[in-house]
Amino acid sequence: MTEHCVSYMCRYAPLELFAAMGAETSYLSSMPEEFGPSVSLLGSNICGFGKSLLDRVLAGEITELVLTNCCDTIRSVYDVICEEREAGHLPKLKFVFFLDLPRDDGACSIDLFAKELRDLKTAYEQYSRNAFDVAKFYDAVNISHIQQVKPNRPYLALLGGKAGKELHLMAVRSMPLPVQNATCAAGRTFGEILPEETMREDEEALFAWYAGELLRQIPCMRMQDAEGRKKLFADPNLKGILYHTIRFCDFYSFEYADIKNHAAIPILKFETDYTKSANGQLATRFDAFAEEILTKYQDTPEIFSDRFRKGRKEQKVEAKNPDGKYYAGIDSGSASTDVVILDRDRNLVTSVIRPTGAGAGGSAEKALQEALDKAGLSKDDLAGCVATGYGRAAIETGSRSITEITCHAKGARFLDPTVRCVIDIGGQDSKVIALDENGNVENFVMNDKCAAGTGRFLDMMARTMEMSLDEMSKRGLTYQEDITISSTCTVFAESEVVSLIAQNRSTDDIVHGLDKSVAAKTAQLAARVRGKGPYMMTGGVAKNEGVVRALEEKLGEKLIVSDKAQICGALGAALFAIET
């Protein structure tokens, strides 16, 4: 086994060059649980990948490192590494090289990059005492040439900003089709390979050819001409895109907008801070996107992976009582657990709403039993039960679990067949779901990892103002001063409210400002999903008249608010139980 292992971070890294000098290479793709000292050294408003990279270096995990100047963050990381090395704080980091990568593949850029590669070769030879071997280089280039092949069957692509291996694995486990990671390190290809004899006889020609081939990779968004990236989503076998962006990185939002305008396949856009902490919320998005893919291609089920088809089959267990006449839906939310029981004719038998409390599973069992008692039924009367909501995985009673995205769409369409866009403001997240003409989920978005604009936000503000949520929902309908709550963070917004109270501003004016804040954030989600009316608002916040009115003003359209708004998710789950 080689004693040298060079860590790298993007497709432009000269992997074959290191192979020619007897070194292995390791792609930096692990996502941390949380950030460490990098936050104080780089600042908090820096891309999470840069922080995770610096933390690994500081922890002594990396001994040899090659960086490429793909963005200002990596330049900042390199500067900090140099300072720390000079101070003697990185004894395990033996070799580091910053590769100055041009932004195009013109003749001048190729010459400059070829010189950079020769300088890297010289530096690594001197460090490792291993000479550059042309035969090893030639073999490595040929291996790279044949490795990157697109799937010849239907698949999904993970595109956008760098996605860690944990994120890729999560997508693979969630999706009904294979998922190809086509972010920063994927897609390295070479055209016609320079003959080995030429490589041996003319080192200048070798490095000129190699520099040109590296610069002609499928470009990242930092390149001046990113048109070549269209190859990533122009494949007829591509059936959907999971588009990842990293907080504080602006490169990829432009591409997402372009893909959204031209691609006719399902797309899920999501953002992370490049840590594993977002996985809980991402699970709902991934599961909902998987359900969207299943619906989109339901007429061609043979395209789905054997693993996923088997899993779906095993999930559809037999009902405890096939002769039962009733069906239950359980929506386990962060604030409340809702249960709906329907008969075979889809008539509402009963419903229950109770606080979720500390345990989702226990709350679900209690809520279901309460609903059964209320209807004079027992579990033996149930022919089926479907669970949904953030706590659905903890519920053992359900014979199947479906995301709240799909269940809210199902319930809303049942309540009003004209609905084309569902707005659900829940306890910990907000969702906007666009429906097609058949009521299927066409697209959806959820708020990111922040409570602003959710039920939790309103709950915190009500406590700050020393009133109940019910009281708050009636205030702000009449106001004198049109106050704007400018903070986008719940904590800062609370401080802003405290300041307004100290200024003796009217309670109605402050509540109106809070209603506007929630409405503005929700309207932004509706714009992202390109929602169009008729709109229906579901969830507990639908009972808040101030928020409903403020949102109607933002959307310029009346909202449909059913008296069953809060049980819409459970209703959809019960409807799926009938169809399962």
Protein backbone atom coordinates (compact mmCIF):
# COMPACT_ATOMS: atom_id res chain seq x y z
CA MET A 1 0.00 0.00 0.00
CA THR A 2 1.30 3.46 -0.89
CA GLU A 3 2.52 5.68 1.92
CA HIS A 4 1.16 8.77 0.20
CA CYS A 5 -2.49 9.81 -0.03
CA VAL A 6 -3.43 13.20 -1.49
CA SER A 7 -6.81 14.66 -0.54
CA TYR A 8 -8.61 16.62 -3.28
CA MET A 9 -11.92 18.43 -3.71
CA CYS A 10 -13.03 18.79 -7.36
CA ARG A 11 -13.00 17.27 -10.85
CA TYR A 12 -10.17 19.56 -11.96
CA ALA A 13 -7.70 17.98 -9.52
CA PRO A 14 -4.86 16.24 -11.44
CA LEU A 15 -5.46 12.75 -10.05
CA GLU A 16 -3.50 11.05 -12.84
CA LEU A 17 -0.48 13.22 -12.06
CA PHE A 18 -0.36 11.93 -8.49
CA ALA A 19 -0.91 8.34 -9.64
CA ALA A 20 2.18 8.74 -11.85
CA MET A 21 4.16 9.56 -8.71
CA GLY A 22 2.93 6.62 -6.68
CA ALA A 23 0.27 8.44 -4.61
CA GLU A 24 -3.32 7.47 -3.94
CA THR A 25 -6.00 10.15 -3.97
CA SER A 26 -8.96 10.64 -1.63
CA TYR A 27 -12.01 12.78 -2.47
CA LEU A 28 -13.04 15.08 0.37
CA SER A 29 -16.77 14.41 0.64
CA SER A 30 -17.63 13.65 4.28
CA MET A 31 -20.16 15.92 5.96
CA PRO A 32 -19.56 16.71 9.66
CA GLU A 33 -22.08 16.59 12.48
CA GLU A 34 -21.20 20.21 13.27
CA PHE A 35 -18.45 22.75 12.64
CA GLY A 36 -15.51 23.27 14.96
CA PRO A 37 -12.75 25.91 15.18
CA SER A 38 -13.21 26.80 11.50
CA VAL A 39 -16.12 29.06 12.46
CA SER A 40 -13.88 31.37 14.48
CA LEU A 41 -11.08 31.27 11.92
CA LEU A 42 -13.22 31.77 8.80
CA GLY A 43 -16.39 33.40 10.14
CA SER A 44 -19.91 31.99 10.20
CA ASN A 45 -21.06 33.31 6.80
CA ILE A 46 -18.78 31.00 4.84
CA CYS A 47 -19.79 27.97 2.78
CA GLY A 48 -20.08 24.86 4.94
CA PHE A 49 -17.80 22.78 2.73
CA GLY A 50 -14.96 25.25 3.31
CA LYS A 51 -15.52 25.06 7.07
CA SER A 52 -15.67 21.26 7.06
CA LEU A 53 -12.46 21.10 4.99
CA LEU A 54 -10.58 23.39 7.37
CA ASP A 55 -11.83 21.47 10.42
CA ARG A 56 -10.48 18.21 8.97
CA VAL A 57 -7.10 19.80 8.34
CA LEU A 58 -7.00 21.28 11.85
CA ALA A 59 -7.93 17.90 13.33
CA GLY A 60 -4.93 16.31 11.65
CA GLU A 61 -6.98 14.05 9.37
CA ILE A 62 -5.22 15.22 6.19
CA THR A 63 -1.51 14.79 5.52
CA GLU A 64 -1.32 15.81 1.86
CA LEU A 65 -3.68 18.27 0.19
CA VAL A 66 -4.23 19.84 -3.22
CA LEU A 67 -6.73 22.71 -3.48
CA THR A 68 -8.18 24.44 -6.52
CA ASN A 69 -9.31 28.04 -6.45
CA CYS A 70 -12.91 27.26 -7.34
CA CYS A 71 -14.20 30.10 -5.16
CA ASP A 72 -13.24 32.74 -2.60
CA THR A 73 -14.01 30.32 0.24
CA ILE A 74 -11.28 27.89 -0.79
CA ARG A 75 -8.83 30.78 -1.12
CA SER A 76 -9.71 31.80 2.45
CA VAL A 77 -9.26 28.21 3.64
CA TYR A 78 -5.83 28.07 2.01
CA ASP A 79 -4.79 31.37 3.61
CA VAL A 80 -5.77 30.10 7.07
CA ILE A 81 -3.94 26.82 6.47
CA CYS A 82 -0.77 28.71 5.54
CA GLU A 83 -1.01 30.86 8.68
CA GLU A 84 -1.58 27.83 10.89
CA ARG A 85 1.36 25.95 9.32
CA GLU A 86 3.67 28.91 9.82
CA ALA A 87 2.61 29.01 13.46
CA GLY A 88 3.47 25.32 13.81
CA HIS A 89 -0.13 24.25 14.49
CA LEU A 90 -0.42 21.68 11.67
CA PRO A 91 2.39 19.15 12.20
CA LYS A 92 0.50 16.35 10.39
CA LEU A 93 -0.04 18.34 7.19
CA LYS A 94 3.13 17.53 5.26
CA PHE A 95 2.22 18.80 1.78
CA VAL A 96 -0.22 21.40 0.48
CA PHE A 97 -0.49 22.93 -2.97
CA PHE A 98 -2.90 25.58 -4.21
CA LEU A 99 -3.65 25.01 -7.89
CA ASP A 100 -4.42 28.23 -9.73
CA LEU A 101 -7.17 27.12 -12.09
CA PRO A 102 -8.01 29.34 -15.11
CA ARG A 103 -11.65 30.15 -15.82
CA ASP A 104 -11.68 29.06 -19.48
CA ASP A 105 -9.94 26.62 -21.82
CA GLY A 106 -8.38 29.06 -24.29
CA ALA A 107 -4.81 28.68 -25.54
CA CYS A 108 -3.40 31.15 -23.02
CA SER A 109 -5.25 29.46 -20.14
CA ILE A 110 -3.95 26.05 -21.21
CA ASP A 111 -0.36 27.36 -21.24
CA LEU A 112 -0.76 28.88 -17.77
CA PHE A 113 -2.38 25.75 -16.34
CA ALA A 114 0.25 23.49 -17.91
CA LYS A 115 2.90 25.51 -16.05
CA GLU A 116 0.90 25.13 -12.81
CA LEU A 117 0.78 21.37 -13.32
CA ARG A 118 4.52 21.18 -13.99
CA ASP A 119 5.16 23.21 -10.83
CA LEU A 120 2.94 20.82 -8.88
CA LYS A 121 4.81 17.83 -10.34
CA THR A 122 8.17 19.32 -9.31
CA ALA A 123 6.94 20.20 -5.81
CA TYR A 124 5.49 16.74 -5.21
CA GLU A 125 8.56 14.94 -6.58
CA GLN A 126 10.75 16.92 -4.20
CA TYR A 127 8.42 16.24 -1.27
CA SER A 128 7.73 12.54 -1.89
CA ARG A 129 11.04 11.66 -3.59
CA ASN A 130 9.01 9.70 -6.12
CA ALA A 131 9.76 10.45 -9.78
CA PHE A 132 7.03 11.07 -12.34
CA ASP A 133 6.45 7.82 -14.30
CA VAL A 134 4.99 8.32 -17.80
CA ALA A 135 3.78 4.72 -18.05
CA LYS A 136 1.83 5.03 -14.78
CA PHE A 137 0.41 8.36 -15.97
CA TYR A 138 -0.72 6.83 -19.28
CA ASP A 139 -2.42 3.94 -17.48
CA ALA A 140 -4.15 6.30 -15.03
CA VAL A 141 -5.49 8.46 -17.86
CA ASN A 142 -6.90 5.40 -19.63
CA ILE A 143 -8.62 4.26 -16.43
CA SER A 144 -10.16 7.73 -15.96
CA HIS A 145 -11.28 7.66 -19.59
CA ILE A 146 -13.40 4.53 -19.18
CA GLN A 147 -14.70 5.01 -15.63
CA GLN A 148 -17.19 7.86 -16.08
CA VAL A 149 -20.11 6.38 -18.02
CA LYS A 150 -23.71 7.57 -17.71
CA PRO A 151 -26.25 4.91 -16.72
CA ASN A 152 -27.89 3.23 -19.72
CA ARG A 153 -31.19 2.95 -17.85
CA PRO A 154 -33.52 5.48 -16.18
CA TYR A 155 -31.88 7.32 -13.28
CA LEU A 156 -31.95 10.49 -11.17
CA ALA A 157 -29.11 13.01 -10.91
CA LEU A 158 -27.85 14.84 -7.85
CA LEU A 159 -26.77 18.21 -9.26
CA GLY A 160 -25.71 21.64 -8.00
CA GLY A 161 -23.23 22.34 -5.23
CA LYS A 162 -20.93 19.74 -3.73
CA ALA A 163 -22.88 16.90 -2.10
CA GLY A 164 -21.22 14.82 0.59
CA LYS A 165 -21.28 11.04 0.45
CA GLU A 166 -23.78 10.93 3.32
CA LEU A 167 -26.20 13.11 1.35
CA HIS A 168 -25.76 10.98 -1.76
CA LEU A 169 -26.36 7.79 0.22
CA MET A 170 -29.50 9.26 1.77
CA ALA A 171 -30.80 10.06 -1.73
CA VAL A 172 -29.94 6.57 -2.98
CA ARG A 173 -31.85 4.96 -0.11
CA SER A 174 -34.89 7.20 -0.60
CA MET A 175 -35.36 7.15 -4.36
CA PRO A 176 -37.11 4.56 -6.57
CA LEU A 177 -34.42 5.03 -9.26
CA PRO A 178 -30.61 4.95 -9.13
CA VAL A 179 -29.09 8.32 -8.16
CA GLN A 180 -25.89 9.54 -9.82
CA ASN A 181 -23.88 12.13 -7.94
CA ALA A 182 -23.03 14.64 -10.68
CA THR A 183 -21.73 17.41 -8.42
CA CYS A 184 -18.16 18.66 -8.02
CA ALA A 185 -16.05 15.52 -8.52
CA ALA A 186 -18.24 13.63 -10.98
CA GLY A 187 -18.01 13.61 -14.75
CA ARG A 188 -14.23 13.54 -15.28
CA THR A 189 -13.70 12.49 -18.88
CA PHE A 190 -10.90 12.61 -21.43
CA GLY A 191 -11.09 12.91 -25.18
CA GLU A 192 -8.55 11.42 -27.55
CA ILE A 193 -5.57 10.34 -25.45
CA LEU A 194 -2.09 11.47 -26.42
CA PRO A 195 0.06 8.47 -27.52
CA GLU A 196 2.34 7.14 -24.78
CA GLU A 197 5.34 7.54 -27.03
CA THR A 198 4.64 11.25 -27.44
CA MET A 199 4.24 11.58 -23.70
CA ARG A 200 7.66 9.99 -23.17
CA GLU A 201 9.44 12.11 -25.75
CA ASP A 202 7.81 15.51 -25.21
CA GLU A 203 6.97 16.50 -21.64
CA GLU A 204 5.80 19.96 -22.77
CA ALA A 205 3.30 18.35 -25.15
CA LEU A 206 2.19 15.99 -22.39
CA PHE A 207 1.38 18.78 -19.96
CA ALA A 208 -0.23 20.97 -22.63
CA TRP A 209 -2.52 18.09 -23.59
CA TYR A 210 -3.28 17.25 -19.93
CA ALA A 211 -4.00 20.87 -19.03
CA GLY A 212 -6.38 21.19 -21.96
CA GLU A 213 -8.22 17.98 -21.08
CA LEU A 214 -8.67 19.00 -17.44
CA LEU A 215 -9.96 22.43 -18.42
CA ARG A 216 -12.43 20.84 -20.86
CA GLN A 217 -14.20 18.83 -18.18
CA ILE A 218 -17.92 19.44 -17.75
CA PRO A 219 -17.52 22.91 -16.25
CA CYS A 220 -18.39 23.98 -12.76
CA MET A 221 -20.32 27.21 -12.27
CA ARG A 222 -17.17 29.24 -11.59
CA MET A 223 -16.10 28.84 -15.25
CA GLN A 224 -16.81 31.70 -17.64
CA ASP A 225 -18.70 29.48 -20.07
CA ALA A 226 -20.90 27.03 -18.22
CA GLU A 227 -22.95 25.97 -21.27
CA GLY A 228 -21.29 22.56 -21.20
CA ARG A 229 -23.11 21.77 -17.97
CA LYS A 230 -26.26 21.18 -20.00
CA LYS A 231 -24.85 17.74 -20.77
CA LEU A 232 -25.63 16.88 -17.17
CA PHE A 233 -29.39 17.16 -17.69
CA ALA A 234 -29.79 16.56 -21.44
CA ASP A 235 -29.75 12.77 -21.12
CA PRO A 236 -33.06 11.10 -22.15
CA ASN A 237 -32.50 8.49 -19.40
CA LEU A 238 -32.57 11.23 -16.77
CA LYS A 239 -35.98 11.13 -15.07
CA GLY A 240 -35.54 13.66 -12.27
CA ILE A 241 -33.09 16.03 -10.59
CA LEU A 242 -32.26 16.59 -6.94
CA TYR A 243 -30.67 20.04 -6.98
CA HIS A 244 -28.46 20.84 -3.98
CA THR A 245 -27.24 24.26 -2.90
CA ILE A 246 -25.01 25.08 0.07
CA ARG A 247 -25.86 28.00 2.31
CA PHE A 248 -23.78 31.11 1.55
CA CYS A 249 -22.85 29.80 -1.92
CA ASP A 250 -24.38 31.85 -4.74
CA PHE A 251 -22.96 29.98 -7.74
CA TYR A 252 -25.72 27.47 -8.34
CA SER A 253 -29.00 29.37 -7.87
CA PHE A 254 -28.71 30.76 -11.40
CA GLU A 255 -28.36 27.30 -12.92
CA TYR A 256 -31.35 25.97 -11.00
CA ALA A 257 -33.52 28.75 -12.42
CA ASP A 258 -32.35 27.88 -15.95
CA ILE A 259 -33.00 24.17 -15.51
CA LYS A 260 -36.41 24.91 -14.04
CA ASN A 261 -37.31 26.93 -17.12
CA HIS A 262 -36.22 24.30 -19.64
CA ALA A 263 -36.33 20.81 -18.11
CA ALA A 264 -39.58 18.86 -18.34
CA ILE A 265 -38.73 16.43 -15.54
CA PRO A 266 -39.39 16.62 -11.78
CA ILE A 267 -36.88 18.76 -9.86
CA LEU A 268 -36.35 19.02 -6.11
CA LYS A 269 -34.29 21.99 -4.92
CA PHE A 270 -32.97 21.82 -1.38
CA GLU A 271 -30.32 23.59 0.66
CA THR A 272 -28.01 22.38 3.41
CA ASP A 273 -25.21 23.92 5.43
CA TYR A 274 -23.07 20.88 4.55
CA THR A 275 -23.65 19.14 7.88
CA LYS A 276 -25.65 16.03 8.72
CA SER A 277 -27.98 18.00 11.00
CA ALA A 278 -30.45 18.68 8.18
CA ASN A 279 -31.09 15.00 7.46
CA GLY A 280 -34.31 14.85 9.50
CA GLN A 281 -35.97 17.59 7.51
CA LEU A 282 -34.49 16.36 4.23
CA ALA A 283 -36.02 12.94 4.81
CA THR A 284 -39.51 14.38 4.30
CA ARG A 285 -38.45 16.22 1.13
CA PHE A 286 -36.73 13.17 -0.32
CA ASP A 287 -39.64 10.86 0.50
CA ALA A 288 -42.11 13.32 -1.04
CA PHE A 289 -39.96 13.64 -4.16
CA ALA A 290 -39.82 9.84 -4.41
CA GLU A 291 -43.62 9.80 -4.28
CA GLU A 292 -43.69 12.45 -7.00
CA ILE A 293 -41.39 10.31 -9.18
CA LEU A 294 -43.59 7.26 -8.59
CA THR A 295 -46.68 9.21 -9.65
CA LYS A 296 -44.95 10.78 -12.66
CA TYR A 297 -43.88 7.42 -14.07
CA GLN A 298 -46.65 5.21 -12.70
CA ASP A 299 -47.46 4.01 -16.23
CA THR A 300 -43.96 2.53 -16.59
CA PRO A 301 -43.35 0.81 -13.22
CA GLU A 302 -40.71 -1.44 -14.76
CA ILE A 303 -38.20 1.42 -14.68
CA PHE A 304 -38.05 1.43 -10.89
CA SER A 305 -35.28 -0.41 -9.09
CA ASP A 306 -35.89 -3.97 -7.88
CA ARG A 307 -34.85 -2.92 -4.38
CA PHE A 308 -37.46 -0.17 -4.27
CA ARG A 309 -40.24 -2.29 -5.75
CA LYS A 310 -39.52 -5.00 -3.19
CA GLY A 311 -39.54 -2.45 -0.36
CA ARG A 312 -42.86 -1.02 -1.51
CA LYS A 313 -44.37 -4.49 -1.71
CA GLU A 314 -43.21 -5.37 1.79
CA GLN A 315 -44.61 -2.08 3.08
CA LYS A 316 -48.12 -2.99 1.94
CA VAL A 317 -48.82 -5.48 4.70
CA GLU A 318 -52.16 -7.15 5.06
CA ALA A 319 -54.77 -5.27 7.08
CA LYS A 320 -55.42 -6.65 10.55
CA ASN A 321 -59.04 -7.13 9.54
CA PRO A 322 -59.66 -7.34 5.76
CA ASP A 323 -63.36 -7.31 6.52
CA GLY A 324 -63.14 -4.04 8.45
CA LYS A 325 -65.36 -1.20 7.32
CA TYR A 326 -63.30 1.77 8.49
CA TYR A 327 -60.00 3.41 7.63
CA ALA A 328 -57.77 5.64 9.76
CA GLY A 329 -55.27 8.33 8.91
CA ILE A 330 -52.77 9.56 11.52
CA ASP A 331 -50.88 12.83 11.03
CA SER A 332 -48.06 13.07 13.56
CA GLY A 333 -47.00 16.71 13.57
CA SER A 334 -44.56 18.55 15.81
CA ALA A 335 -47.36 20.43 17.58
CA SER A 336 -50.39 18.16 17.28
CA THR A 337 -51.30 14.60 16.33
CA ASP A 338 -54.44 14.41 14.23
CA VAL A 339 -56.54 11.32 13.51
CA VAL A 340 -59.32 10.89 10.96
CA ILE A 341 -61.54 7.84 10.55
CA LEU A 342 -63.48 7.31 7.31
CA ASP A 343 -65.91 4.63 6.24
CA ARG A 344 -65.66 2.77 2.94
CA ASP A 345 -67.68 5.46 1.19
CA ARG A 346 -65.17 8.14 2.29
CA ASN A 347 -67.59 9.66 4.79
CA LEU A 348 -65.99 11.28 7.84
CA VAL A 349 -66.83 9.18 10.89
CA THR A 350 -64.80 11.12 13.45
CA SER A 351 -61.63 13.11 13.98
CA VAL A 352 -59.34 13.94 16.90
CA ILE A 353 -56.70 16.63 17.43
CA ARG A 354 -54.44 16.35 20.46
CA PRO A 355 -50.99 17.75 21.44
CA THR A 356 -48.14 15.53 20.26
CA GLY A 357 -46.09 15.83 23.43
CA ALA A 358 -42.70 14.20 23.90
CA GLY A 359 -43.23 10.90 22.03
CA ALA A 360 -44.72 10.73 18.55
CA GLY A 361 -45.48 7.01 18.73
CA GLY A 362 -47.24 7.18 22.08
CA SER A 363 -49.20 10.28 21.10
CA ALA A 364 -50.35 8.58 17.91
CA GLU A 365 -51.59 5.52 19.79
CA LYS A 366 -53.48 7.68 22.29
CA ALA A 367 -55.00 9.86 19.56
CA LEU A 368 -56.10 6.82 17.55
CA GLN A 369 -57.65 5.18 20.60
CA GLU A 370 -59.43 8.42 21.46
CA ALA A 371 -60.85 8.59 17.92
CA LEU A 372 -61.97 4.95 18.08
CA ASP A 373 -63.62 5.49 21.47
CA LYS A 374 -65.32 8.61 20.15
CA ALA A 375 -66.77 6.62 17.24
CA GLY A 376 -67.62 3.57 19.33
CA LEU A 377 -65.16 1.41 17.38
CA SER A 378 -62.17 -0.83 18.12
CA LYS A 379 -58.95 -1.48 16.17
CA ASP A 380 -60.51 -4.66 14.82
CA ASP A 381 -62.97 -2.47 12.90
CA LEU A 382 -60.11 -0.91 10.90
CA ALA A 383 -59.35 -2.34 7.48
CA GLY A 384 -56.38 -0.05 7.02
CA CYS A 385 -54.37 2.73 8.60
CA VAL A 386 -51.83 5.13 7.03
CA ALA A 387 -49.45 7.36 8.99
CA THR A 388 -48.03 10.68 7.85
CA GLY A 389 -46.26 13.67 9.36
CA TYR A 390 -42.77 14.16 10.76
CA GLY A 391 -43.29 11.40 13.34
CA ARG A 392 -44.68 8.82 10.93
CA ALA A 393 -41.63 6.56 11.22
CA ALA A 394 -42.26 6.12 14.96
CA ILE A 395 -45.87 4.98 14.48
CA GLU A 396 -46.30 1.20 14.51
CA THR A 397 -50.06 1.15 13.99
CA GLY A 398 -49.99 2.32 10.37
CA SER A 399 -49.78 -0.35 7.65
CA ARG A 400 -48.04 2.22 5.44
CA SER A 401 -46.46 5.67 5.81
CA ILE A 402 -46.74 8.50 3.28
CA THR A 403 -45.28 12.00 3.49
CA GLU A 404 -47.40 14.93 4.59
CA ILE A 405 -46.72 16.56 1.21
CA THR A 406 -48.65 13.88 -0.63
CA CYS A 407 -51.28 13.51 2.10
CA HIS A 408 -52.07 17.24 2.27
CA ALA A 409 -52.42 17.27 -1.51
CA LYS A 410 -54.78 14.30 -1.33
CA GLY A 411 -56.84 15.76 1.50
CA ALA A 412 -57.08 19.22 -0.04
CA ARG A 413 -58.20 17.85 -3.38
CA PHE A 414 -60.88 15.80 -1.61
CA LEU A 415 -62.15 18.87 0.24
CA ASP A 416 -62.22 20.97 -2.93
CA PRO A 417 -61.48 19.44 -6.37
CA THR A 418 -60.72 22.88 -7.85
CA VAL A 419 -57.61 23.41 -5.67
CA ARG A 420 -54.32 23.75 -7.60
CA CYS A 421 -52.01 24.93 -4.81
CA VAL A 422 -51.93 23.90 -1.14
CA ILE A 423 -50.33 26.08 1.54
CA ASP A 424 -49.64 24.31 4.82
CA ILE A 425 -48.03 26.25 7.68
CA GLY A 426 -47.15 23.66 10.28
CA GLY A 427 -45.55 23.76 13.69
CA GLN A 428 -41.96 23.44 12.52
CA ASP A 429 -42.08 23.93 8.77
CA SER A 430 -44.08 25.49 5.98
CA LYS A 431 -44.96 23.81 2.70
CA VAL A 432 -46.39 24.99 -0.59
CA ILE A 433 -47.57 22.22 -2.91
CA ALA A 434 -48.50 22.76 -6.55
CA LEU A 435 -50.98 20.26 -8.02
CA ASP A 436 -51.57 19.23 -11.60
CA GLU A 437 -55.01 19.01 -13.19
CA ASN A 438 -55.46 15.50 -11.73
CA GLY A 439 -54.60 16.54 -8.19
CA ASN A 440 -51.15 14.92 -8.18
CA VAL A 441 -48.17 16.71 -6.66
CA GLU A 442 -46.51 18.61 -9.50
CA ASN A 443 -43.95 20.48 -7.40
CA PHE A 444 -43.42 21.48 -3.79
CA VAL A 445 -41.12 23.55 -1.59
CA MET A 446 -40.51 23.65 2.14
CA ASN A 447 -38.92 26.30 4.30
CA ASP A 448 -35.28 25.79 5.24
CA LYS A 449 -33.88 25.09 8.70
CA CYS A 450 -35.48 28.05 10.44
CA ALA A 451 -38.70 28.43 12.43
CA ALA A 452 -39.44 31.87 10.96
CA GLY A 453 -42.77 31.84 9.15
CA THR A 454 -44.06 28.71 10.92
CA GLY A 455 -46.51 27.96 13.70
CA ARG A 456 -43.62 27.81 16.16
CA PHE A 457 -42.73 31.39 15.23
CA LEU A 458 -46.28 32.57 16.00
CA ASP A 459 -46.31 30.60 19.24
CA MET A 460 -43.08 32.27 20.40
CA MET A 461 -44.35 35.71 19.46
CA ALA A 462 -47.65 35.12 21.28
CA ARG A 463 -45.74 34.21 24.46
CA THR A 464 -43.56 37.27 24.09
CA MET A 465 -46.69 39.41 23.88
CA GLU A 466 -48.30 37.51 26.78
CA MET A 467 -51.36 36.32 24.90
CA SER A 468 -52.76 33.02 23.66
CA LEU A 469 -52.55 31.94 20.03
CA ASP A 470 -56.34 32.16 19.76
CA GLU A 471 -56.26 35.76 21.02
CA MET A 472 -53.38 36.62 18.72
CA SER A 473 -55.24 35.22 15.71
CA LYS A 474 -57.99 37.83 16.22
CA ARG A 475 -55.68 40.79 16.79
CA GLY A 476 -54.12 42.79 14.02
CA LEU A 477 -57.24 42.65 11.84
CA THR A 478 -57.62 46.36 12.45
CA TYR A 479 -54.48 48.43 12.82
CA GLN A 480 -53.34 52.04 12.63
CA GLU A 481 -49.65 51.81 11.83
CA ASP A 482 -48.37 49.45 9.12
CA ILE A 483 -45.39 48.04 11.04
CA THR A 484 -42.88 45.80 9.26
CA ILE A 485 -40.96 43.15 11.20
CA SER A 486 -37.71 43.16 9.25
CA SER A 487 -35.80 40.33 10.95
CA THR A 488 -35.81 36.99 9.10
CA CYS A 489 -34.59 35.09 12.19
CA THR A 490 -37.07 34.06 14.88
CA VAL A 491 -34.74 35.08 17.71
CA PHE A 492 -34.01 38.49 16.19
CA ALA A 493 -37.69 38.99 15.37
CA GLU A 494 -38.51 38.35 19.02
CA SER A 495 -36.00 41.03 20.03
CA GLU A 496 -37.61 43.39 17.53
CA VAL A 497 -41.05 42.73 19.04
CA VAL A 498 -39.72 43.34 22.56
CA SER A 499 -38.31 46.64 21.35
CA LEU A 500 -41.64 47.63 19.79
CA ILE A 501 -43.47 46.80 23.02
CA ALA A 502 -41.00 48.97 24.94
CA GLN A 503 -41.84 51.81 22.54
CA ASN A 504 -45.53 51.44 23.51
CA ARG A 505 -46.53 50.53 19.96
CA SER A 506 -50.08 49.25 19.60
CA THR A 507 -50.58 45.50 20.09
CA ASP A 508 -52.75 45.31 16.97
CA ASP A 509 -50.07 47.07 14.94
CA ILE A 510 -47.35 44.67 16.16
CA VAL A 511 -49.50 41.59 15.50
CA HIS A 512 -50.27 42.87 12.02
CA GLY A 513 -46.53 43.21 11.42
CA LEU A 514 -46.01 39.61 12.53
CA ASP A 515 -48.83 38.40 10.28
CA LYS A 516 -47.24 40.22 7.36
CA SER A 517 -43.88 38.61 8.15
CA VAL A 518 -45.34 35.10 8.03
CA ALA A 519 -47.32 35.93 4.88
CA ALA A 520 -44.25 37.33 3.13
CA LYS A 521 -42.18 34.21 3.76
CA THR A 522 -45.03 31.95 2.66
CA ALA A 523 -45.63 33.99 -0.49
CA GLN A 524 -41.94 33.60 -1.34
CA LEU A 525 -42.36 29.83 -1.15
CA ALA A 526 -45.42 30.05 -3.41
CA ALA A 527 -43.40 32.06 -5.92
CA ARG A 528 -40.62 29.43 -5.89
CA VAL A 529 -43.07 26.64 -6.61
CA ARG A 530 -44.83 28.84 -9.19
CA GLY A 531 -48.11 28.19 -7.48
CA LYS A 532 -51.34 29.36 -9.03
CA GLY A 533 -54.86 29.42 -7.71
CA PRO A 534 -57.21 28.33 -6.52
CA TYR A 535 -55.20 28.24 -3.27
CA MET A 536 -56.18 26.25 -0.18
CA MET A 537 -54.62 26.84 3.22
CA THR A 538 -54.34 23.85 5.53
CA GLY A 539 -52.89 23.22 8.98
CA GLY A 540 -53.56 24.88 12.32
CA VAL A 541 -52.37 28.33 11.23
CA ALA A 542 -55.29 28.39 8.75
CA LYS A 543 -57.41 29.34 11.78
CA ASN A 544 -55.38 32.53 12.21
CA GLU A 545 -57.50 35.16 10.50
CA GLY A 546 -54.73 37.75 10.51
CA VAL A 547 -52.25 35.50 8.71
CA VAL A 548 -54.89 34.37 6.21
CA ARG A 549 -55.84 37.95 5.37
CA ALA A 550 -52.18 39.07 5.09
CA LEU A 551 -51.39 36.12 2.84
CA GLU A 552 -54.37 36.85 0.62
CA GLU A 553 -53.03 40.38 0.16
CA LYS A 554 -49.58 39.03 -0.78
CA LEU A 555 -50.97 36.49 -3.25
CA GLY A 556 -53.64 38.79 -4.62
CA GLU A 557 -56.18 36.00 -4.38
CA LYS A 558 -58.69 34.62 -1.91
CA LEU A 559 -57.65 31.52 0.05
CA ILE A 560 -59.93 28.51 0.44
CA VAL A 561 -60.01 27.65 4.14
CA SER A 562 -62.03 24.56 5.06
CA ASP A 563 -63.39 23.93 8.52
CA LYS A 564 -61.35 20.70 8.26
CA ALA A 565 -58.11 22.54 7.48
CA GLN A 566 -56.23 21.24 10.50
CA ILE A 567 -57.05 17.58 9.81
CA CYS A 568 -56.30 17.78 6.08
CA GLY A 569 -53.11 15.69 6.36
CA ALA A 570 -54.81 12.97 8.39
CA LEU A 571 -57.72 13.04 5.97
CA GLY A 572 -55.37 12.46 3.04
CA ALA A 573 -53.72 9.60 4.94
CA ALA A 574 -57.11 7.97 5.57
CA LEU A 575 -57.99 8.29 1.88
CA PHE A 576 -54.73 6.54 0.98
CA ALA A 577 -55.61 3.81 3.50
CA ILE A 578 -58.79 3.14 1.53
CA GLU A 579 -56.84 2.91 -1.73
CA THR A 580 -53.98 0.78 -0.38
